[in-house]
Structure formats: structure tokens, C-alpha cells
Amino acid sequence: MISFDKLFVTLTRKHKTTTNLIKDRIVGGGTLQRIRDGQSISTDTINVICNYLNCRPGDIMTYTPDAKEDDK
């Protein structure tokens, strides 16, 4: 599973808000909602966000392996 929880930490560290992302036309409201809901976004969008925040993908997202069927 990919989580974008680190995006909000990085935004704060860079003195930006989700409003800045929309106002500066980095992402639309729908994309921001997808991020909040833990849904997928394109690598193009990840690239645009990283360029805007001058950071790496690992600064805005984390990967956690899904539980295996046997582990459930």
C-alpha cells in the first residue's frame, strides 16, 4: 500500500499548505481528495508535486507491503 501521509508533513516543513497546491495549480481538488483517501495517483502527479516542493518521492509517500492472504 502507498500512503501519502508524509506529503502533509513535507508541506508543513516547506511552509506550504494543500491550498497552495490547488492555488498554484499543482494538483486539482479531485486529485488532492484521492491523495487523502489513499487512492492511486499518477507518477506524473508525483513528479509535479516533487518538483514543486523540491523533494524526492520518499519525502511525500511511503510503501507498506499489503498483508498476504495467509497472514490475514
PDB file of N, CA and C in Angstrom:
ATOM      1  N   MET A   1       0.846  -1.172   0.000  1.00  0.00           N
ATOM      2  CA  MET A   1       0.000   0.000   0.000  1.00  0.00           C
ATOM      3  C   MET A   1       0.899   1.245   0.000  1.00  0.00           C
ATOM      4  N   ILE A   2       0.506   2.229  -0.738  1.00  0.00           N
ATOM      5  CA  ILE A   2       1.209   3.506  -0.772  1.00  0.00           C
ATOM      6  C   ILE A   2       0.417   4.499   0.080  1.00  0.00           C
ATOM      7  N   SER A   3       1.121   5.180   0.971  1.00  0.00           N
ATOM      8  CA  SER A   3       0.500   6.201   1.811  1.00  0.00           C
ATOM      9  C   SER A   3       1.146   7.552   1.511  1.00  0.00           C
ATOM     10  N   PHE A   4       0.334   8.583   1.457  1.00  0.00           N
ATOM     11  CA  PHE A   4       0.834   9.933   1.216  1.00  0.00           C
ATOM     12  C   PHE A   4       0.829  10.784   2.490  1.00  0.00           C
ATOM     13  N   ASP A   5       0.837  10.139   3.651  1.00  0.00           N
ATOM     14  CA  ASP A   5       0.855  10.880   4.919  1.00  0.00           C
ATOM     15  C   ASP A   5       2.064  11.808   5.013  1.00  0.00           C
ATOM     16  N   LYS A   6       3.195  11.373   4.461  1.00  0.00           N
ATOM     17  CA  LYS A   6       4.404  12.191   4.525  1.00  0.00           C
ATOM     18  C   LYS A   6       4.276  13.477   3.706  1.00  0.00           C
ATOM     19  N   LEU A   7       3.361  13.492   2.735  1.00  0.00           N
ATOM     20  CA  LEU A   7       3.156  14.708   1.939  1.00  0.00           C
ATOM     21  C   LEU A   7       2.773  15.865   2.848  1.00  0.00           C
ATOM     22  N   PHE A   8       1.883  15.623   3.778  1.00  0.00           N
ATOM     23  CA  PHE A   8       1.386  16.692   4.644  1.00  0.00           C
ATOM     24  C   PHE A   8       2.468  17.184   5.610  1.00  0.00           C
ATOM     25  N   VAL A   9       3.345  16.285   6.029  1.00  0.00           N
ATOM     26  CA  VAL A   9       4.484  16.665   6.863  1.00  0.00           C
ATOM     27  C   VAL A   9       5.449  17.521   6.045  1.00  0.00           C
ATOM     28  N   THR A  10       5.718  17.093   4.817  1.00  0.00           N
ATOM     29  CA  THR A  10       6.633  17.834   3.945  1.00  0.00           C
ATOM     30  C   THR A  10       6.066  19.198   3.589  1.00  0.00           C
ATOM     31  N   LEU A  11       4.766  19.264   3.347  1.00  0.00           N
ATOM     32  CA  LEU A  11       4.141  20.565   3.075  1.00  0.00           C
ATOM     33  C   LEU A  11       4.404  21.526   4.233  1.00  0.00           C
ATOM     34  N   THR A  12       4.187  21.061   5.446  1.00  0.00           N
ATOM     35  CA  THR A  12       4.403  21.901   6.625  1.00  0.00           C
ATOM     36  C   THR A  12       5.862  22.328   6.726  1.00  0.00           C
ATOM     37  N   ARG A  13       6.764  21.370   6.502  1.00  0.00           N
ATOM     38  CA  ARG A  13       8.189  21.671   6.584  1.00  0.00           C
ATOM     39  C   ARG A  13       8.611  22.704   5.532  1.00  0.00           C
ATOM     40  N   LYS A  14       7.939  22.696   4.382  1.00  0.00           N
ATOM     41  CA  LYS A  14       8.249  23.629   3.293  1.00  0.00           C
ATOM     42  C   LYS A  14       7.396  24.906   3.370  1.00  0.00           C
ATOM     43  N   HIS A  15       6.651  25.050   4.452  1.00  0.00           N
ATOM     44  CA  HIS A  15       5.788  26.222   4.675  1.00  0.00           C
ATOM     45  C   HIS A  15       4.744  26.380   3.565  1.00  0.00           C
ATOM     46  N   LYS A  16       4.146  25.250   3.198  1.00  0.00           N
ATOM     47  CA  LYS A  16       3.089  25.210   2.181  1.00  0.00           C
ATOM     48  C   LYS A  16       1.874  24.517   2.777  1.00  0.00           C
ATOM     49  N   THR A  17       0.748  24.669   2.095  1.00  0.00           N
ATOM     50  CA  THR A  17      -0.489  24.016   2.522  1.00  0.00           C
ATOM     51  C   THR A  17      -1.126  23.330   1.328  1.00  0.00           C
ATOM     52  N   THR A  18      -2.156  22.556   1.596  1.00  0.00           N
ATOM     53  CA  THR A  18      -2.895  21.943   0.500  1.00  0.00           C
ATOM     54  C   THR A  18      -3.560  23.021  -0.358  1.00  0.00           C
ATOM     55  N   THR A  19      -3.903  24.126   0.259  1.00  0.00           N
ATOM     56  CA  THR A  19      -4.468  25.249  -0.502  1.00  0.00           C
ATOM     57  C   THR A  19      -3.453  25.770  -1.512  1.00  0.00           C
ATOM     58  N   ASN A  20      -2.176  25.820  -1.122  1.00  0.00           N
ATOM     59  CA  ASN A  20      -1.131  26.227  -2.060  1.00  0.00           C
ATOM     60  C   ASN A  20      -1.068  25.279  -3.253  1.00  0.00           C
ATOM     61  N   LEU A  21      -1.202  23.985  -2.997  1.00  0.00           N
ATOM     62  CA  LEU A  21      -1.156  23.014  -4.086  1.00  0.00           C
ATOM     63  C   LEU A  21      -2.242  23.286  -5.120  1.00  0.00           C
ATOM     64  N   ILE A  22      -3.411  23.654  -4.647  1.00  0.00           N
ATOM     65  CA  ILE A  22      -4.521  23.934  -5.557  1.00  0.00           C
ATOM     66  C   ILE A  22      -4.368  25.317  -6.186  1.00  0.00           C
ATOM     67  N   LYS A  23      -4.100  26.314  -5.365  1.00  0.00           N
ATOM     68  CA  LYS A  23      -3.982  27.694  -5.845  1.00  0.00           C
ATOM     69  C   LYS A  23      -2.868  27.844  -6.889  1.00  0.00           C
ATOM     70  N   ASP A  24      -1.756  27.158  -6.661  1.00  0.00           N
ATOM     71  CA  ASP A  24      -0.620  27.234  -7.579  1.00  0.00           C
ATOM     72  C   ASP A  24      -0.745  26.252  -8.746  1.00  0.00           C
ATOM     73  N   ARG A  25      -1.910  25.627  -8.842  1.00  0.00           N
ATOM     74  CA  ARG A  25      -2.252  24.711  -9.937  1.00  0.00           C
ATOM     75  C   ARG A  25      -1.302  23.524 -10.050  1.00  0.00           C
ATOM     76  N   ILE A  26      -0.906  23.016  -8.897  1.00  0.00           N
ATOM     77  CA  ILE A  26      -0.053  21.833  -8.853  1.00  0.00           C
ATOM     78  C   ILE A  26      -0.920  20.582  -8.974  1.00  0.00           C
ATOM     79  N   VAL A  27      -1.985  20.536  -8.222  1.00  0.00           N
ATOM     80  CA  VAL A  27      -2.974  19.460  -8.317  1.00  0.00           C
ATOM     81  C   VAL A  27      -4.358  20.072  -8.208  1.00  0.00           C
ATOM     82  N   GLY A  28      -5.331  19.366  -8.721  1.00  0.00           N
ATOM     83  CA  GLY A  28      -6.717  19.791  -8.588  1.00  0.00           C
ATOM     84  C   GLY A  28      -7.324  19.252  -7.305  1.00  0.00           C
ATOM     85  N   GLY A  29      -8.482  19.745  -6.990  1.00  0.00           N
ATOM     86  CA  GLY A  29      -9.180  19.308  -5.783  1.00  0.00           C
ATOM     87  C   GLY A  29      -9.480  17.822  -5.782  1.00  0.00           C
ATOM     88  N   GLY A  30      -9.823  17.282  -6.946  1.00  0.00           N
ATOM     89  CA  GLY A  30     -10.115  15.855  -7.051  1.00  0.00           C
ATOM     90  C   GLY A  30      -8.895  14.996  -6.760  1.00  0.00           C
ATOM     91  N   THR A  31      -7.746  15.421  -7.280  1.00  0.00           N
ATOM     92  CA  THR A  31      -6.507  14.686  -7.035  1.00  0.00           C
ATOM     93  C   THR A  31      -6.128  14.762  -5.569  1.00  0.00           C
ATOM     94  N   LEU A  32      -6.281  15.918  -4.982  1.00  0.00           N
ATOM     95  CA  LEU A  32      -5.978  16.065  -3.564  1.00  0.00           C
ATOM     96  C   LEU A  32      -6.877  15.160  -2.727  1.00  0.00           C
ATOM     97  N   GLN A  33      -8.135  15.040  -3.098  1.00  0.00           N
ATOM     98  CA  GLN A  33      -9.043  14.145  -2.376  1.00  0.00           C
ATOM     99  C   GLN A  33      -8.614  12.692  -2.541  1.00  0.00           C
ATOM    100  N   ARG A  34      -8.154  12.320  -3.744  1.00  0.00           N
ATOM    101  CA  ARG A  34      -7.657  10.955  -3.970  1.00  0.00           C
ATOM    102  C   ARG A  34      -6.464  10.674  -3.050  1.00  0.00           C
ATOM    103  N   ILE A  35      -5.581  11.658  -2.906  1.00  0.00           N
ATOM    104  CA  ILE A  35      -4.431  11.503  -2.019  1.00  0.00           C
ATOM    105  C   ILE A  35      -4.905  11.301  -0.586  1.00  0.00           C
ATOM    106  N   ARG A  36      -5.843  12.118  -0.147  1.00  0.00           N
ATOM    107  CA  ARG A  36      -6.366  11.999   1.225  1.00  0.00           C
ATOM    108  C   ARG A  36      -7.052  10.665   1.466  1.00  0.00           C
ATOM    109  N   ASP A  37      -7.721  10.152   0.420  1.00  0.00           N
ATOM    110  CA  ASP A  37      -8.451   8.891   0.542  1.00  0.00           C
ATOM    111  C   ASP A  37      -7.566   7.663   0.355  1.00  0.00           C
ATOM    112  N   GLY A  38      -6.288   7.881   0.092  1.00  0.00           N
ATOM    113  CA  GLY A  38      -5.372   6.762  -0.087  1.00  0.00           C
ATOM    114  C   GLY A  38      -5.528   6.053  -1.418  1.00  0.00           C
ATOM    115  N   GLN A  39      -6.083   6.739  -2.397  1.00  0.00           N
ATOM    116  CA  GLN A  39      -6.238   6.162  -3.728  1.00  0.00           C
ATOM    117  C   GLN A  39      -4.994   6.455  -4.558  1.00  0.00           C
ATOM    118  N   SER A  40      -4.904   5.817  -5.711  1.00  0.00           N
ATOM    119  CA  SER A  40      -3.710   5.980  -6.539  1.00  0.00           C
ATOM    120  C   SER A  40      -3.728   7.311  -7.286  1.00  0.00           C
ATOM    121  N   ILE A  41      -2.528   7.814  -7.545  1.00  0.00           N
ATOM    122  CA  ILE A  41      -2.333   8.979  -8.401  1.00  0.00           C
ATOM    123  C   ILE A  41      -1.216   8.632  -9.375  1.00  0.00           C
ATOM    124  N   SER A  42      -1.107   9.373 -10.441  1.00  0.00           N
ATOM    125  CA  SER A  42      -0.131   9.050 -11.473  1.00  0.00           C
ATOM    126  C   SER A  42       1.284   9.445 -11.061  1.00  0.00           C
ATOM    127  N   THR A  43       2.243   8.810 -11.706  1.00  0.00           N
ATOM    128  CA  THR A  43       3.632   9.182 -11.468  1.00  0.00           C
ATOM    129  C   THR A  43       3.897  10.594 -11.978  1.00  0.00           C
ATOM    130  N   ASP A  44       3.157  11.028 -12.976  1.00  0.00           N
ATOM    131  CA  ASP A  44       3.284  12.420 -13.447  1.00  0.00           C
ATOM    132  C   ASP A  44       2.910  13.386 -12.324  1.00  0.00           C
ATOM    133  N   THR A  45       1.853  13.080 -11.600  1.00  0.00           N
ATOM    134  CA  THR A  45       1.425  13.930 -10.492  1.00  0.00           C
ATOM    135  C   THR A  45       2.466  13.919  -9.371  1.00  0.00           C
ATOM    136  N   ILE A  46       3.012  12.753  -9.084  1.00  0.00           N
ATOM    137  CA  ILE A  46       4.063  12.664  -8.067  1.00  0.00           C
ATOM    138  C   ILE A  46       5.252  13.523  -8.489  1.00  0.00           C
ATOM    139  N   ASN A  47       5.609  13.461  -9.762  1.00  0.00           N
ATOM    140  CA  ASN A  47       6.715  14.261 -10.283  1.00  0.00           C
ATOM    141  C   ASN A  47       6.451  15.753 -10.123  1.00  0.00           C
ATOM    142  N   VAL A  48       5.249  16.190 -10.453  1.00  0.00           N
ATOM    143  CA  VAL A  48       4.897  17.609 -10.351  1.00  0.00           C
ATOM    144  C   VAL A  48       4.956  18.078  -8.895  1.00  0.00           C
ATOM    145  N   ILE A  49       4.436  17.268  -7.989  1.00  0.00           N
ATOM    146  CA  ILE A  49       4.467  17.622  -6.568  1.00  0.00           C
ATOM    147  C   ILE A  49       5.910  17.709  -6.073  1.00  0.00           C
ATOM    148  N   CYS A  50       6.726  16.730  -6.452  1.00  0.00           N
ATOM    149  CA  CYS A  50       8.128  16.738  -6.016  1.00  0.00           C
ATOM    150  C   CYS A  50       8.878  17.938  -6.581  1.00  0.00           C
ATOM    151  N   ASN A  51       8.618  18.287  -7.832  1.00  0.00           N
ATOM    152  CA  ASN A  51       9.249  19.481  -8.412  1.00  0.00           C
ATOM    153  C   ASN A  51       8.834  20.732  -7.646  1.00  0.00           C
ATOM    154  N   TYR A  52       7.564  20.830  -7.327  1.00  0.00           N
ATOM    155  CA  TYR A  52       7.036  21.991  -6.616  1.00  0.00           C
ATOM    156  C   TYR A  52       7.657  22.130  -5.227  1.00  0.00           C
ATOM    157  N   LEU A  53       7.794  20.999  -4.535  1.00  0.00           N
ATOM    158  CA  LEU A  53       8.308  21.012  -3.163  1.00  0.00           C
ATOM    159  C   LEU A  53       9.827  20.816  -3.105  1.00  0.00           C
ATOM    160  N   ASN A  54      10.441  20.610  -4.273  1.00  0.00           N
ATOM    161  CA  ASN A  54      11.884  20.360  -4.335  1.00  0.00           C
ATOM    162  C   ASN A  54      12.269  19.231  -3.378  1.00  0.00           C
ATOM    163  N   CYS A  55      11.619  18.079  -3.592  1.00  0.00           N
ATOM    164  CA  CYS A  55      11.851  16.928  -2.725  1.00  0.00           C
ATOM    165  C   CYS A  55      11.856  15.656  -3.557  1.00  0.00           C
ATOM    166  N   ARG A  56      12.063  14.543  -2.893  1.00  0.00           N
ATOM    167  CA  ARG A  56      12.064  13.224  -3.533  1.00  0.00           C
ATOM    168  C   ARG A  56      10.744  12.522  -3.242  1.00  0.00           C
ATOM    169  N   PRO A  57      10.380  11.530  -4.077  1.00  0.00           N
ATOM    170  CA  PRO A  57       9.133  10.800  -3.812  1.00  0.00           C
ATOM    171  C   PRO A  57       9.043  10.237  -2.395  1.00  0.00           C
ATOM    172  N   GLY A  58      10.167   9.787  -1.845  1.00  0.00           N
ATOM    173  CA  GLY A  58      10.167   9.250  -0.485  1.00  0.00           C
ATOM    174  C   GLY A  58       9.860  10.278   0.580  1.00  0.00           C
ATOM    175  N   ASP A  59       9.919  11.559   0.197  1.00  0.00           N
ATOM    176  CA  ASP A  59       9.568  12.625   1.137  1.00  0.00           C
ATOM    177  C   ASP A  59       8.064  12.865   1.207  1.00  0.00           C
ATOM    178  N   ILE A  60       7.309  12.302   0.255  1.00  0.00           N
ATOM    179  CA  ILE A  60       5.863  12.539   0.233  1.00  0.00           C
ATOM    180  C   ILE A  60       5.042  11.259   0.327  1.00  0.00           C
ATOM    181  N   MET A  61       5.702  10.101   0.200  1.00  0.00           N
ATOM    182  CA  MET A  61       4.937   8.853   0.238  1.00  0.00           C
ATOM    183  C   MET A  61       5.766   7.724   0.829  1.00  0.00           C
ATOM    184  N   THR A  62       5.067   6.724   1.361  1.00  0.00           N
ATOM    185  CA  THR A  62       5.709   5.535   1.894  1.00  0.00           C
ATOM    186  C   THR A  62       5.015   4.297   1.350  1.00  0.00           C
ATOM    187  N   TYR A  63       5.773   3.228   1.254  1.00  0.00           N
ATOM    188  CA  TYR A  63       5.255   1.945   0.805  1.00  0.00           C
ATOM    189  C   TYR A  63       5.226   0.977   1.977  1.00  0.00           C
ATOM    190  N   THR A  64       4.093   0.346   2.167  1.00  0.00           N
ATOM    191  CA  THR A  64       3.938  -0.711   3.156  1.00  0.00           C
ATOM    192  C   THR A  64       3.362  -1.917   2.430  1.00  0.00           C
ATOM    193  N   PRO A  65       4.044  -3.067   2.491  1.00  0.00           N
ATOM    194  CA  PRO A  65       3.505  -4.244   1.792  1.00  0.00           C
ATOM    195  C   PRO A  65       2.104  -4.588   2.293  1.00  0.00           C
ATOM    196  N   ASP A  66       1.260  -4.988   1.353  1.00  0.00           N
ATOM    197  CA  ASP A  66      -0.078  -5.469   1.719  1.00  0.00           C
ATOM    198  C   ASP A  66       0.059  -6.784   2.480  1.00  0.00           C
ATOM    199  N   ALA A  67      -0.872  -7.030   3.376  1.00  0.00           N
ATOM    200  CA  ALA A  67      -0.872  -8.294   4.104  1.00  0.00           C
ATOM    201  C   ALA A  67      -1.139  -9.425   3.114  1.00  0.00           C
ATOM    202  N   LYS A  68      -0.383 -10.505   3.256  1.00  0.00           N
ATOM    203  CA  LYS A  68      -0.600 -11.667   2.399  1.00  0.00           C
ATOM    204  C   LYS A  68      -1.865 -12.374   2.840  1.00  0.00           C
ATOM    205  N   GLU A  69      -2.463 -13.060   1.906  1.00  0.00           N
ATOM    206  CA  GLU A  69      -3.701 -13.791   2.189  1.00  0.00           C
ATOM    207  C   GLU A  69      -3.502 -14.749   3.374  1.00  0.00           C
ATOM    208  N   ASP A  70      -2.327 -15.378   3.493  1.00  0.00           N
ATOM    209  CA  ASP A  70      -2.049 -16.307   4.590  1.00  0.00           C
ATOM    210  C   ASP A  70      -1.929 -15.602   5.931  1.00  0.00           C
ATOM    211  N   ASP A  71      -1.551 -14.297   5.904  1.00  0.00           N
ATOM    212  CA  ASP A  71      -1.342 -13.532   7.132  1.00  0.00           C
ATOM    213  C   ASP A  71      -2.638 -12.987   7.713  1.00  0.00           C
ATOM    214  N   LYS A  72      -3.712 -13.073   6.981  1.00  0.00           N
ATOM    215  CA  LYS A  72      -4.982 -12.484   7.437  1.00  0.00           C
ATOM    216  C   LYS A  72      -5.670 -13.355   8.433  1.00  0.00           C
TER     217      LYS A  72
END
